[in-house]
C-alpha atoms as a PDB file:
ATOM      1  CA  MET A   1     -18.048 -88.333 -24.064  1.00  0.00           C
ATOM      2  CA  ASP A   2     -20.938 -87.779 -21.649  1.00  0.00           C
ATOM      3  CA  LYS A   3     -19.353 -84.834 -19.849  1.00  0.00           C
ATOM      4  CA  LEU A   4     -21.950 -84.710 -17.066  1.00  0.00           C
ATOM      5  CA  THR A   5     -21.411 -88.371 -16.215  1.00  0.00           C
ATOM      6  CA  ALA A   6     -17.646 -87.884 -16.346  1.00  0.00           C
ATOM      7  CA  MET A   7     -17.929 -84.961 -13.931  1.00  0.00           C
ATOM      8  CA  GLN A   8     -20.091 -87.040 -11.610  1.00  0.00           C
ATOM      9  CA  VAL A   9     -17.562 -89.885 -11.730  1.00  0.00           C
ATOM     10  CA  PHE A  10     -14.704 -87.488 -10.967  1.00  0.00           C
ATOM     11  CA  ALA A  11     -16.515 -85.928  -7.981  1.00  0.00           C
ATOM     12  CA  THR A  12     -17.533 -89.354  -6.644  1.00  0.00           C
ATOM     13  CA  VAL A  13     -13.985 -90.694  -6.881  1.00  0.00           C
ATOM     14  CA  VAL A  14     -12.779 -87.723  -4.824  1.00  0.00           C
ATOM     15  CA  ASP A  15     -15.584 -88.201  -2.253  1.00  0.00           C
ATOM     16  CA  CYS A  16     -14.981 -91.946  -1.914  1.00  0.00           C
ATOM     17  CA  GLY A  17     -11.204 -91.797  -2.031  1.00  0.00           C
ATOM     18  CA  SER A  18     -10.780 -94.558  -4.601  1.00  0.00           C
ATOM     19  CA  GLN A  19     -11.965 -95.623  -8.031  1.00  0.00           C
ATOM     20  CA  SER A  20     -13.187 -98.981  -6.710  1.00  0.00           C
ATOM     21  CA  ALA A  21     -15.378 -97.393  -4.045  1.00  0.00           C
ATOM     22  CA  ALA A  22     -16.724 -94.883  -6.566  1.00  0.00           C
ATOM     23  CA  ALA A  23     -17.517 -97.698  -8.997  1.00  0.00           C
ATOM     24  CA  ASP A  24     -19.505 -99.504  -6.295  1.00  0.00           C
ATOM     25  CA  ARG A  25     -21.381 -96.350  -5.349  1.00  0.00           C
ATOM     26  CA  LEU A  26     -22.245 -95.468  -8.946  1.00  0.00           C
ATOM     27  CA  GLY A  27     -23.005 -99.017 -10.055  1.00  0.00           C
ATOM     28  CA  LEU A  28     -20.281 -98.926 -12.707  1.00  0.00           C
ATOM     29  CA  SER A  29     -17.329-101.185 -13.392  1.00  0.00           C
ATOM     30  CA  ARG A  30     -13.829-100.081 -12.446  1.00  0.00           C
ATOM     31  CA  PRO A  31     -12.697 -99.898 -16.120  1.00  0.00           C
ATOM     32  CA  VAL A  32     -15.657 -97.646 -16.967  1.00  0.00           C
ATOM     33  CA  VAL A  33     -14.754 -95.309 -14.087  1.00  0.00           C
ATOM     34  CA  SER A  34     -11.152 -95.189 -15.289  1.00  0.00           C
ATOM     35  CA  ARG A  35     -12.302 -94.438 -18.835  1.00  0.00           C
ATOM     36  CA  TYR A  36     -14.511 -91.547 -17.711  1.00  0.00           C
ATOM     37  CA  LEU A  37     -11.638 -90.065 -15.690  1.00  0.00           C
ATOM     38  CA  ALA A  38      -9.241 -90.371 -18.610  1.00  0.00           C
ATOM     39  CA  GLU A  39     -11.745 -88.769 -20.987  1.00  0.00           C
ATOM     40  CA  LEU A  40     -12.407 -85.896 -18.585  1.00  0.00           C
ATOM     41  CA  GLU A  41      -8.670 -85.280 -18.223  1.00  0.00           C
ATOM     42  CA  ALA A  42      -8.273 -85.345 -21.991  1.00  0.00           C
ATOM     43  CA  TRP A  43     -11.102 -82.849 -22.366  1.00  0.00           C
ATOM     44  CA  ALA A  44      -9.702 -80.615 -19.602  1.00  0.00           C
ATOM     45  CA  GLY A  45      -6.209 -80.884 -21.029  1.00  0.00           C
ATOM     46  CA  ALA A  46      -4.624 -81.640 -17.656  1.00  0.00           C
ATOM     47  CA  ARG A  47      -4.146 -84.478 -15.191  1.00  0.00           C
ATOM     48  CA  LEU A  48      -6.725 -84.106 -12.408  1.00  0.00           C
ATOM     49  CA  LEU A  49      -5.654 -86.884 -10.033  1.00  0.00           C
ATOM     50  CA  HIS A  50      -2.394 -88.284  -8.768  1.00  0.00           C
ATOM     51  CA  ARG A  51      -2.851 -92.074  -8.840  1.00  0.00           C
ATOM     52  CA  THR A  52      -0.757 -94.277  -6.543  1.00  0.00           C
ATOM     53  CA  THR A  53      -1.270 -97.786  -5.243  1.00  0.00           C
ATOM     54  CA  ARG A  54      -2.280 -96.435  -1.834  1.00  0.00           C
ATOM     55  CA  LYS A  55      -4.444 -93.406  -2.482  1.00  0.00           C
ATOM     56  CA  LEU A  56      -5.663 -90.772  -4.892  1.00  0.00           C
ATOM     57  CA  SER A  57      -5.010 -87.070  -4.476  1.00  0.00           C
ATOM     58  CA  LEU A  58      -5.973 -84.005  -6.461  1.00  0.00           C
ATOM     59  CA  THR A  59      -3.449 -82.240  -8.653  1.00  0.00           C
ATOM     60  CA  ALA A  60      -3.420 -78.451  -8.804  1.00  0.00           C
ATOM     61  CA  ALA A  61      -5.625 -78.649 -11.890  1.00  0.00           C
ATOM     62  CA  GLY A  62      -7.902 -81.072 -10.027  1.00  0.00           C
ATOM     63  CA  HIS A  63      -8.349 -78.592  -7.177  1.00  0.00           C
ATOM     64  CA  GLU A  64      -9.419 -75.959  -9.718  1.00  0.00           C
ATOM     65  CA  THR A  65     -11.682 -78.306 -11.657  1.00  0.00           C
ATOM     66  CA  LEU A  66     -13.532 -80.068  -8.821  1.00  0.00           C
ATOM     67  CA  PRO A  67     -15.617 -77.123  -7.524  1.00  0.00           C
ATOM     68  CA  ARG A  68     -16.563 -76.204 -11.100  1.00  0.00           C
ATOM     69  CA  CYS A  69     -17.708 -79.764 -11.770  1.00  0.00           C
ATOM     70  CA  ARG A  70     -19.773 -79.707  -8.597  1.00  0.00           C
ATOM     71  CA  GLN A  71     -21.342 -76.419  -9.633  1.00  0.00           C
ATOM     72  CA  VAL A  72     -22.334 -77.802 -13.038  1.00  0.00           C
ATOM     73  CA  LEU A  73     -23.778 -80.950 -11.424  1.00  0.00           C
ATOM     74  CA  GLU A  74     -25.746 -78.898  -8.895  1.00  0.00           C
ATOM     75  CA  LEU A  75     -27.164 -76.615 -11.584  1.00  0.00           C
ATOM     76  CA  THR A  76     -28.204 -79.629 -13.618  1.00  0.00           C
ATOM     77  CA  ALA A  77     -29.833 -81.274 -10.603  1.00  0.00           C
ATOM     78  CA  GLY A  78     -31.628 -78.025  -9.774  1.00  0.00           C
ATOM     79  CA  MET A  79     -32.996 -77.797 -13.305  1.00  0.00           C
ATOM     80  CA  GLN A  80     -34.237 -81.367 -13.130  1.00  0.00           C
ATOM     81  CA  ALA A  81     -35.863 -80.758  -9.765  1.00  0.00           C
ATOM     82  CA  ALA A  82     -37.593 -77.635 -11.060  1.00  0.00           C
ATOM     83  CA  VAL A  83     -39.444 -79.534 -13.785  1.00  0.00           C
ATOM     84  CA  ALA A  84     -39.986 -82.796 -11.913  1.00  0.00           C
ATOM     85  CA  ALA A  85     -43.262 -83.783 -10.345  1.00  0.00           C
ATOM     86  CA  PRO A  86     -43.572 -82.804  -6.676  1.00  0.00           C
ATOM     87  CA  ASP A  87     -42.129 -85.309  -4.240  1.00  0.00           C
ATOM     88  CA  ASP A  88     -44.335 -87.353  -1.972  1.00  0.00           C
ATOM     89  CA  ALA A  89     -44.244 -86.711   1.748  1.00  0.00           C
ATOM     90  CA  PRO A  90     -40.717 -87.019   3.176  1.00  0.00           C
ATOM     91  CA  ARG A  91     -39.841 -90.532   4.270  1.00  0.00           C
ATOM     92  CA  GLY A  92     -36.844 -92.698   5.067  1.00  0.00           C
ATOM     93  CA  LEU A  93     -33.893 -92.595   7.460  1.00  0.00           C
ATOM     94  CA  LEU A  94     -31.662 -89.581   8.058  1.00  0.00           C
ATOM     95  CA  ARG A  95     -28.338 -90.035   9.862  1.00  0.00           C
ATOM     96  CA  ILE A  96     -27.282 -86.774  11.486  1.00  0.00           C
ATOM     97  CA  THR A  97     -24.063 -86.156  13.400  1.00  0.00           C
ATOM     98  CA  VAL A  98     -23.640 -83.339  15.915  1.00  0.00           C
ATOM     99  CA  SER A  99     -21.471 -82.443  18.900  1.00  0.00           C
ATOM    100  CA  THR A 100     -22.571 -83.953  22.194  1.00  0.00           C
ATOM    101  CA  SER A 101     -23.312 -80.633  23.880  1.00  0.00           C
ATOM    102  CA  PHE A 102     -25.373 -79.091  21.067  1.00  0.00           C
ATOM    103  CA  GLY A 103     -27.116 -82.384  20.374  1.00  0.00           C
ATOM    104  CA  GLN A 104     -28.212 -82.831  23.969  1.00  0.00           C
ATOM    105  CA  THR A 105     -29.181 -79.232  24.686  1.00  0.00           C
ATOM    106  CA  HIS A 106     -30.866 -78.176  21.437  1.00  0.00           C
ATOM    107  CA  LEU A 107     -30.854 -80.574  18.490  1.00  0.00           C
ATOM    108  CA  ALA A 108     -32.606 -83.514  20.177  1.00  0.00           C
ATOM    109  CA  ALA A 109     -35.673 -81.399  20.951  1.00  0.00           C
ATOM    110  CA  ALA A 110     -35.636 -79.936  17.447  1.00  0.00           C
ATOM    111  CA  LEU A 111     -35.494 -83.396  15.866  1.00  0.00           C
ATOM    112  CA  ALA A 112     -38.389 -84.555  18.042  1.00  0.00           C
ATOM    113  CA  GLU A 113     -40.451 -81.682  16.665  1.00  0.00           C
ATOM    114  CA  TYR A 114     -39.377 -82.470  13.100  1.00  0.00           C
ATOM    115  CA  THR A 115     -40.373 -86.133  13.333  1.00  0.00           C
ATOM    116  CA  GLN A 116     -43.770 -85.121  14.706  1.00  0.00           C
ATOM    117  CA  ARG A 117     -44.234 -82.886  11.669  1.00  0.00           C
ATOM    118  CA  TYR A 118     -42.937 -85.553   9.254  1.00  0.00           C
ATOM    119  CA  PRO A 119     -43.763 -88.954  10.807  1.00  0.00           C
ATOM    120  CA  GLY A 120     -42.516 -90.811   7.736  1.00  0.00           C
ATOM    121  CA  VAL A 121     -38.921 -89.833   8.567  1.00  0.00           C
ATOM    122  CA  ALA A 122     -36.761 -91.602  11.144  1.00  0.00           C
ATOM    123  CA  VAL A 123     -33.639 -89.902  12.479  1.00  0.00           C
ATOM    124  CA  ASP A 124     -30.459 -91.554  13.741  1.00  0.00           C
ATOM    125  CA  MET A 125     -28.594 -88.891  15.749  1.00  0.00           C
ATOM    126  CA  VAL A 126     -24.878 -89.605  16.127  1.00  0.00           C
ATOM    127  CA  LEU A 127     -23.237 -87.614  18.937  1.00  0.00           C
ATOM    128  CA  LEU A 128     -19.549 -87.128  18.172  1.00  0.00           C
ATOM    129  CA  ASP A 129     -17.089 -84.437  19.191  1.00  0.00           C
ATOM    130  CA  ARG A 130     -15.029 -84.834  16.035  1.00  0.00           C
ATOM    131  CA  ALA A 131     -15.537 -84.146  12.345  1.00  0.00           C
ATOM    132  CA  VAL A 132     -16.416 -87.289  10.401  1.00  0.00           C
ATOM    133  CA  ASN A 133     -16.164 -88.257   6.749  1.00  0.00           C
ATOM    134  CA  LEU A 134     -19.802 -88.055   5.670  1.00  0.00           C
ATOM    135  CA  VAL A 135     -19.417 -90.522   2.809  1.00  0.00           C
ATOM    136  CA  GLU A 136     -17.397 -93.160   4.651  1.00  0.00           C
ATOM    137  CA  GLU A 137     -19.618 -93.099   7.748  1.00  0.00           C
ATOM    138  CA  ARG A 138     -22.894 -92.885   5.800  1.00  0.00           C
ATOM    139  CA  ILE A 139     -23.904 -89.551   7.330  1.00  0.00           C
ATOM    140  CA  ASP A 140     -26.599 -87.547   5.558  1.00  0.00           C
ATOM    141  CA  LEU A 141     -26.164 -84.317   7.506  1.00  0.00           C
ATOM    142  CA  ALA A 142     -23.614 -82.895   9.938  1.00  0.00           C
ATOM    143  CA  ILE A 143     -24.189 -79.981  12.279  1.00  0.00           C
ATOM    144  CA  ARG A 144     -20.778 -78.330  12.586  1.00  0.00           C
ATOM    145  CA  ILE A 145     -19.697 -75.370  14.702  1.00  0.00           C
ATOM    146  CA  THR A 146     -16.728 -73.880  12.894  1.00  0.00           C
ATOM    147  CA  ASN A 147     -15.429 -71.080  10.709  1.00  0.00           C
ATOM    148  CA  GLU A 148     -13.347 -73.499   8.609  1.00  0.00           C
ATOM    149  CA  LEU A 149     -15.531 -75.550   6.275  1.00  0.00           C
ATOM    150  CA  ASP A 150     -14.491 -78.352   3.942  1.00  0.00           C
ATOM    151  CA  PRO A 151     -14.686 -76.838   0.411  1.00  0.00           C
ATOM    152  CA  ASN A 152     -15.774 -80.214  -0.966  1.00  0.00           C
ATOM    153  CA  LEU A 153     -18.968 -80.167   1.105  1.00  0.00           C
ATOM    154  CA  ILE A 154     -22.072 -77.989   0.920  1.00  0.00           C
ATOM    155  CA  ALA A 155     -22.942 -75.902   3.971  1.00  0.00           C
ATOM    156  CA  ARG A 156     -26.066 -74.010   4.955  1.00  0.00           C
ATOM    157  CA  ARG A 157     -25.386 -71.489   7.688  1.00  0.00           C
ATOM    158  CA  LEU A 158     -27.858 -71.630  10.542  1.00  0.00           C
ATOM    159  CA  CYS A 159     -26.935 -69.317  13.404  1.00  0.00           C
ATOM    160  CA  ILE A 160     -24.057 -67.714  15.229  1.00  0.00           C
ATOM    161  CA  CYS A 161     -22.303 -69.468  18.093  1.00  0.00           C
ATOM    162  CA  ARG A 162     -21.028 -67.064  20.722  1.00  0.00           C
ATOM    163  CA  SER A 163     -19.048 -68.008  23.802  1.00  0.00           C
ATOM    164  CA  VAL A 164     -18.804 -66.606  27.311  1.00  0.00           C
ATOM    165  CA  VAL A 165     -16.208 -66.827  30.073  1.00  0.00           C
ATOM    166  CA  CYS A 166     -17.852 -67.694  33.367  1.00  0.00           C
ATOM    167  CA  ALA A 167     -17.440 -69.307  36.764  1.00  0.00           C
ATOM    168  CA  ALA A 168     -19.618 -70.451  39.643  1.00  0.00           C
ATOM    169  CA  PRO A 169     -20.079 -68.181  42.676  1.00  0.00           C
ATOM    170  CA  ALA A 170     -18.436 -70.937  44.755  1.00  0.00           C
ATOM    171  CA  TYR A 171     -15.210 -70.595  42.770  1.00  0.00           C
ATOM    172  CA  LEU A 172     -15.238 -66.800  42.903  1.00  0.00           C
ATOM    173  CA  ALA A 173     -15.857 -66.678  46.666  1.00  0.00           C
ATOM    174  CA  GLY A 174     -12.706 -65.416  48.356  1.00  0.00           C
ATOM    175  CA  ARG A 175     -10.995 -64.765  44.991  1.00  0.00           C
ATOM    176  CA  GLU A 176     -10.634 -61.625  42.964  1.00  0.00           C
ATOM    177  CA  ALA A 177     -12.596 -62.115  39.755  1.00  0.00           C
ATOM    178  CA  PRO A 178     -10.597 -61.458  36.577  1.00  0.00           C
ATOM    179  CA  SER A 179     -11.089 -57.883  35.384  1.00  0.00           C
ATOM    180  CA  ARG A 180      -8.702 -58.081  32.423  1.00  0.00           C
ATOM    181  CA  ILE A 181      -8.091 -60.817  29.878  1.00  0.00           C
ATOM    182  CA  GLU A 182      -4.541 -61.171  31.177  1.00  0.00           C
ATOM    183  CA  ASP A 183      -5.895 -62.061  34.620  1.00  0.00           C
ATOM    184  CA  LEU A 184      -7.114 -65.417  33.286  1.00  0.00           C
ATOM    185  CA  SER A 185      -3.556 -66.718  33.441  1.00  0.00           C
ATOM    186  CA  LEU A 186      -3.794 -66.402  37.247  1.00  0.00           C
ATOM    187  CA  HIS A 187      -6.907 -68.599  37.464  1.00  0.00           C
ATOM    188  CA  ASN A 188      -7.646 -72.300  37.233  1.00  0.00           C
ATOM    189  CA  CYS A 189      -9.099 -72.485  33.719  1.00  0.00           C
ATOM    190  CA  LEU A 190     -11.081 -75.513  32.582  1.00  0.00           C
ATOM    191  CA  THR A 191     -10.199 -76.119  28.947  1.00  0.00           C
ATOM    192  CA  HIS A 192     -11.544 -78.001  25.954  1.00  0.00           C
ATOM    193  CA  SER A 193      -9.167 -80.557  24.452  1.00  0.00           C
ATOM    194  CA  TYR A 194     -10.007 -79.580  20.850  1.00  0.00           C
ATOM    195  CA  PHE A 195     -10.758 -75.862  21.159  1.00  0.00           C
ATOM    196  CA  GLY A 196      -8.545 -73.418  23.002  1.00  0.00           C
ATOM    197  CA  LYS A 197      -6.791 -75.979  25.194  1.00  0.00           C
ATOM    198  CA  SER A 198      -3.902 -73.662  26.038  1.00  0.00           C
ATOM    199  CA  LEU A 199      -4.796 -70.349  24.370  1.00  0.00           C
ATOM    200  CA  TRP A 200      -8.080 -68.431  24.522  1.00  0.00           C
ATOM    201  CA  HIS A 201      -8.805 -65.878  21.789  1.00  0.00           C
ATOM    202  CA  PHE A 202     -10.817 -62.681  22.263  1.00  0.00           C
ATOM    203  CA  GLU A 203     -11.663 -59.407  20.597  1.00  0.00           C
ATOM    204  CA  GLU A 204     -11.428 -56.331  22.797  1.00  0.00           C
ATOM    205  CA  ALA A 205     -11.990 -52.786  21.561  1.00  0.00           C
ATOM    206  CA  GLY A 206     -11.913 -54.136  18.016  1.00  0.00           C
ATOM    207  CA  ALA A 207      -8.496 -55.761  18.364  1.00  0.00           C
ATOM    208  CA  PRO A 208      -7.660 -59.476  18.655  1.00  0.00           C
ATOM    209  CA  VAL A 209      -6.194 -60.566  21.987  1.00  0.00           C
ATOM    210  CA  ALA A 210      -5.012 -64.000  23.115  1.00  0.00           C
ATOM    211  CA  VAL A 211      -4.071 -65.260  26.559  1.00  0.00           C
ATOM    212  CA  ALA A 212      -2.352 -68.459  27.671  1.00  0.00           C
ATOM    213  CA  VAL A 213      -4.529 -70.500  30.020  1.00  0.00           C
ATOM    214  CA  GLY A 214      -4.196 -73.708  31.965  1.00  0.00           C
ATOM    215  CA  GLY A 215      -5.616 -75.560  34.896  1.00  0.00           C
ATOM    216  CA  THR A 216      -6.311 -78.843  36.592  1.00  0.00           C
ATOM    217  CA  LEU A 217      -8.989 -80.137  34.221  1.00  0.00           C
ATOM    218  CA  SER A 218      -9.513 -80.429  30.493  1.00  0.00           C
ATOM    219  CA  ALA A 219     -12.115 -82.458  28.593  1.00  0.00           C
ATOM    220  CA  ASN A 220     -13.015 -83.248  25.010  1.00  0.00           C
ATOM    221  CA  GLU A 221     -16.681 -82.396  25.524  1.00  0.00           C
ATOM    222  CA  ALA A 222     -18.241 -79.129  26.703  1.00  0.00           C
ATOM    223  CA  THR A 223     -21.016 -80.520  28.921  1.00  0.00           C
ATOM    224  CA  SER A 224     -18.413 -82.081  31.199  1.00  0.00           C
ATOM    225  CA  LEU A 225     -16.664 -78.730  31.532  1.00  0.00           C
ATOM    226  CA  LEU A 226     -20.012 -77.129  32.400  1.00  0.00           C
ATOM    227  CA  GLN A 227     -20.579 -79.625  35.205  1.00  0.00           C
ATOM    228  CA  ALA A 228     -17.073 -79.044  36.558  1.00  0.00           C
ATOM    229  CA  ALA A 229     -17.595 -75.274  36.491  1.00  0.00           C
ATOM    230  CA  LEU A 230     -20.945 -75.606  38.313  1.00  0.00           C
ATOM    231  CA  ALA A 231     -19.105 -77.604  40.975  1.00  0.00           C
ATOM    232  CA  GLY A 232     -16.760 -74.634  41.505  1.00  0.00           C
ATOM    233  CA  ALA A 233     -13.701 -76.144  39.827  1.00  0.00           C
ATOM    234  CA  GLY A 234     -12.619 -73.039  37.920  1.00  0.00           C
ATOM    235  CA  VAL A 235     -13.160 -70.539  35.120  1.00  0.00           C
ATOM    236  CA  VAL A 236     -14.508 -71.908  31.849  1.00  0.00           C
ATOM    237  CA  MET A 237     -15.231 -70.676  28.335  1.00  0.00           C
ATOM    238  CA  LEU A 238     -18.510 -72.167  27.137  1.00  0.00           C
ATOM    239  CA  PRO A 239     -20.799 -71.657  24.152  1.00  0.00           C
ATOM    240  CA  THR A 240     -23.740 -69.504  25.164  1.00  0.00           C
ATOM    241  CA  TYR A 241     -26.158 -72.175  23.927  1.00  0.00           C
ATOM    242  CA  LEU A 242     -24.885 -74.249  26.857  1.00  0.00           C
ATOM    243  CA  ALA A 243     -24.157 -71.604  29.502  1.00  0.00           C
ATOM    244  CA  ALA A 244     -27.097 -69.195  29.039  1.00  0.00           C
ATOM    245  CA  PRO A 245     -29.685 -70.875  31.302  1.00  0.00           C
ATOM    246  CA  TRP A 246     -27.162 -71.335  34.117  1.00  0.00           C
ATOM    247  CA  ILE A 247     -26.111 -67.679  33.911  1.00  0.00           C
ATOM    248  CA  ALA A 248     -29.769 -66.595  33.905  1.00  0.00           C
ATOM    249  CA  ALA A 249     -30.350 -68.751  37.013  1.00  0.00           C
ATOM    250  CA  GLY A 250     -27.340 -67.230  38.806  1.00  0.00           C
ATOM    251  CA  GLN A 251     -25.486 -70.556  39.048  1.00  0.00           C
ATOM    252  CA  LEU A 252     -22.757 -69.196  36.774  1.00  0.00           C
ATOM    253  CA  VAL A 253     -21.436 -65.637  36.627  1.00  0.00           C
ATOM    254  CA  ALA A 254     -20.425 -64.114  33.280  1.00  0.00           C
ATOM    255  CA  LEU A 255     -16.961 -62.550  33.425  1.00  0.00           C
ATOM    256  CA  LEU A 256     -15.014 -59.995  31.353  1.00  0.00           C
ATOM    257  CA  PRO A 257     -18.007 -58.227  29.761  1.00  0.00           C
ATOM    258  CA  ARG A 258     -15.811 -56.016  27.564  1.00  0.00           C
ATOM    259  CA  ALA A 259     -13.949 -58.964  26.035  1.00  0.00           C
ATOM    260  CA  ARG A 260     -15.692 -61.046  23.364  1.00  0.00           C
ATOM    261  CA  PRO A 261     -14.529 -64.595  22.670  1.00  0.00           C
ATOM    262  CA  GLN A 262     -14.179 -65.607  19.040  1.00  0.00           C
ATOM    263  CA  ASP A 263     -17.538 -66.090  17.297  1.00  0.00           C
ATOM    264  CA  LEU A 264     -18.162 -69.263  15.304  1.00  0.00           C
ATOM    265  CA  SER A 265     -21.001 -70.271  13.016  1.00  0.00           C
ATOM    266  CA  ILE A 266     -23.315 -73.263  13.227  1.00  0.00           C
ATOM    267  CA  HIS A 267     -23.720 -74.942   9.825  1.00  0.00           C
ATOM    268  CA  ALA A 268     -25.758 -77.791   8.403  1.00  0.00           C
ATOM    269  CA  VAL A 269     -23.275 -79.633   6.166  1.00  0.00           C
ATOM    270  CA  TYR A 270     -24.010 -82.301   3.546  1.00  0.00           C
ATOM    271  CA  ALA A 271     -22.264 -83.943   0.623  1.00  0.00           C
ATOM    272  CA  SER A 272     -24.305 -83.103  -2.475  1.00  0.00           C
ATOM    273  CA  ARG A 273     -27.426 -81.375  -3.735  1.00  0.00           C
ATOM    274  CA  ARG A 274     -27.762 -83.951  -6.491  1.00  0.00           C
ATOM    275  CA  HIS A 275     -30.995 -85.966  -6.183  1.00  0.00           C
ATOM    276  CA  MET A 276     -31.556 -84.595  -2.691  1.00  0.00           C
ATOM    277  CA  PRO A 277     -34.285 -86.621  -0.942  1.00  0.00           C
ATOM    278  CA  ALA A 278     -37.307 -84.797   0.384  1.00  0.00           C
ATOM    279  CA  ALA A 279     -36.380 -85.782   3.947  1.00  0.00           C
ATOM    280  CA  LEU A 280     -33.021 -83.988   3.755  1.00  0.00           C
ATOM    281  CA  ARG A 281     -34.468 -80.950   1.998  1.00  0.00           C
ATOM    282  CA  THR A 282     -37.244 -80.506   4.555  1.00  0.00           C
ATOM    283  CA  MET A 283     -34.797 -81.082   7.413  1.00  0.00           C
ATOM    284  CA  LEU A 284     -32.546 -78.280   6.139  1.00  0.00           C
ATOM    285  CA  ASP A 285     -35.502 -75.902   5.866  1.00  0.00           C
ATOM    286  CA  PHE A 286     -36.731 -76.911   9.305  1.00  0.00           C
ATOM    287  CA  LEU A 287     -33.340 -76.351  10.958  1.00  0.00           C
ATOM    288  CA  ALA A 288     -32.976 -72.945   9.276  1.00  0.00           C
ATOM    289  CA  GLU A 289     -36.361 -72.025  10.740  1.00  0.00           C
ATOM    290  CA  ARG A 290     -35.577 -73.456  14.175  1.00  0.00           C
ATOM    291  CA  PHE A 291     -32.105 -71.884  14.449  1.00  0.00           C
ATOM    292  CA  PRO A 292     -32.293 -68.377  12.895  1.00  0.00           C
ATOM    293  CA  PRO A 293     -29.189 -66.155  12.558  1.00  0.00           C
ATOM    294  CA  GLU A 294     -29.743 -64.570  15.990  1.00  0.00           C
ATOM    295  CA  PRO A 295     -30.296 -67.540  18.339  1.00  0.00           C
ATOM    296  CA  SER A 296     -32.996 -67.529  20.982  1.00  0.00           C
ATOM    297  CA  TRP A 297     -30.626 -68.477  23.822  1.00  0.00           C
ATOM    298  CA  ASP A 298     -28.604 -65.271  23.337  1.00  0.00           C
ATOM    299  CA  ARG A 299     -31.746 -63.152  23.370  1.00  0.00           C
ATOM    300  CA  ARG A 300     -32.890 -64.762  26.627  1.00  0.00           C
ATOM    301  CA  MET A 301     -29.479 -64.253  28.226  1.00  0.00           C
ATOM    302  CA  ARG A 302     -29.654 -60.506  27.530  1.00  0.00           C
ATOM    303  CA  GLU A 303     -33.173 -60.127  28.925  1.00  0.00           C
END
């Protein structure tokens, strides 16, 4: 048995969700895919996949085996890349998905700079405020702001994503600004549909604190909440990459300085290191350079 090919078949079946889709992606017949899976299970001494007419799912042994197979495949690909001839200049199309707010405020400008540096690469930026299946939606790279990553994907950490609670002077006029986290329950809080819709999490004096919040407006996209806050609609928790320039300009006021909202990380996420095209490799390096661990927007907000 060609163990490397069997491992690749196994990983591709998991990524695609079916043997038929994996066969199409690998250019193999369905019986050959089935044979490789059976041989890998025989070699491993355990069933790796539950097979039903509707879907495939990993067994407990499959969950243990999959990351090890990916590691072997990545090491093999790395060895091949180390001895291969240098790639030509990056070229081709990259499809990149990102949240609407980060895409509009920071990634679009970064991608414009990248394409000027590498004119042979075209970028299709897909703005979505939901996590997508990279394989099914033909996405090469996802920029995700989260602390919970899919273990079946590869992530390169870019920078930290901090948040700030703030409000416009128009909202605060004639009101007592919140001085304690608990005071937020007395205010009209503008909430994100997918993140902290009814409960905001903080760290204060080294201890986690949560407060129930609610108000007259929620939205599934942060830029809309920013615009509502600027209009004086209420108190909002926003990522600093979005709120920093408005706070610096005095159009928003940062609140609760001793309370720190939960930090998240911004990651560049992709499906596989195997046969990575030069365009994706250079994009990852470029983004790591453009978005270092301590982001520029936080430095400017503190100045």
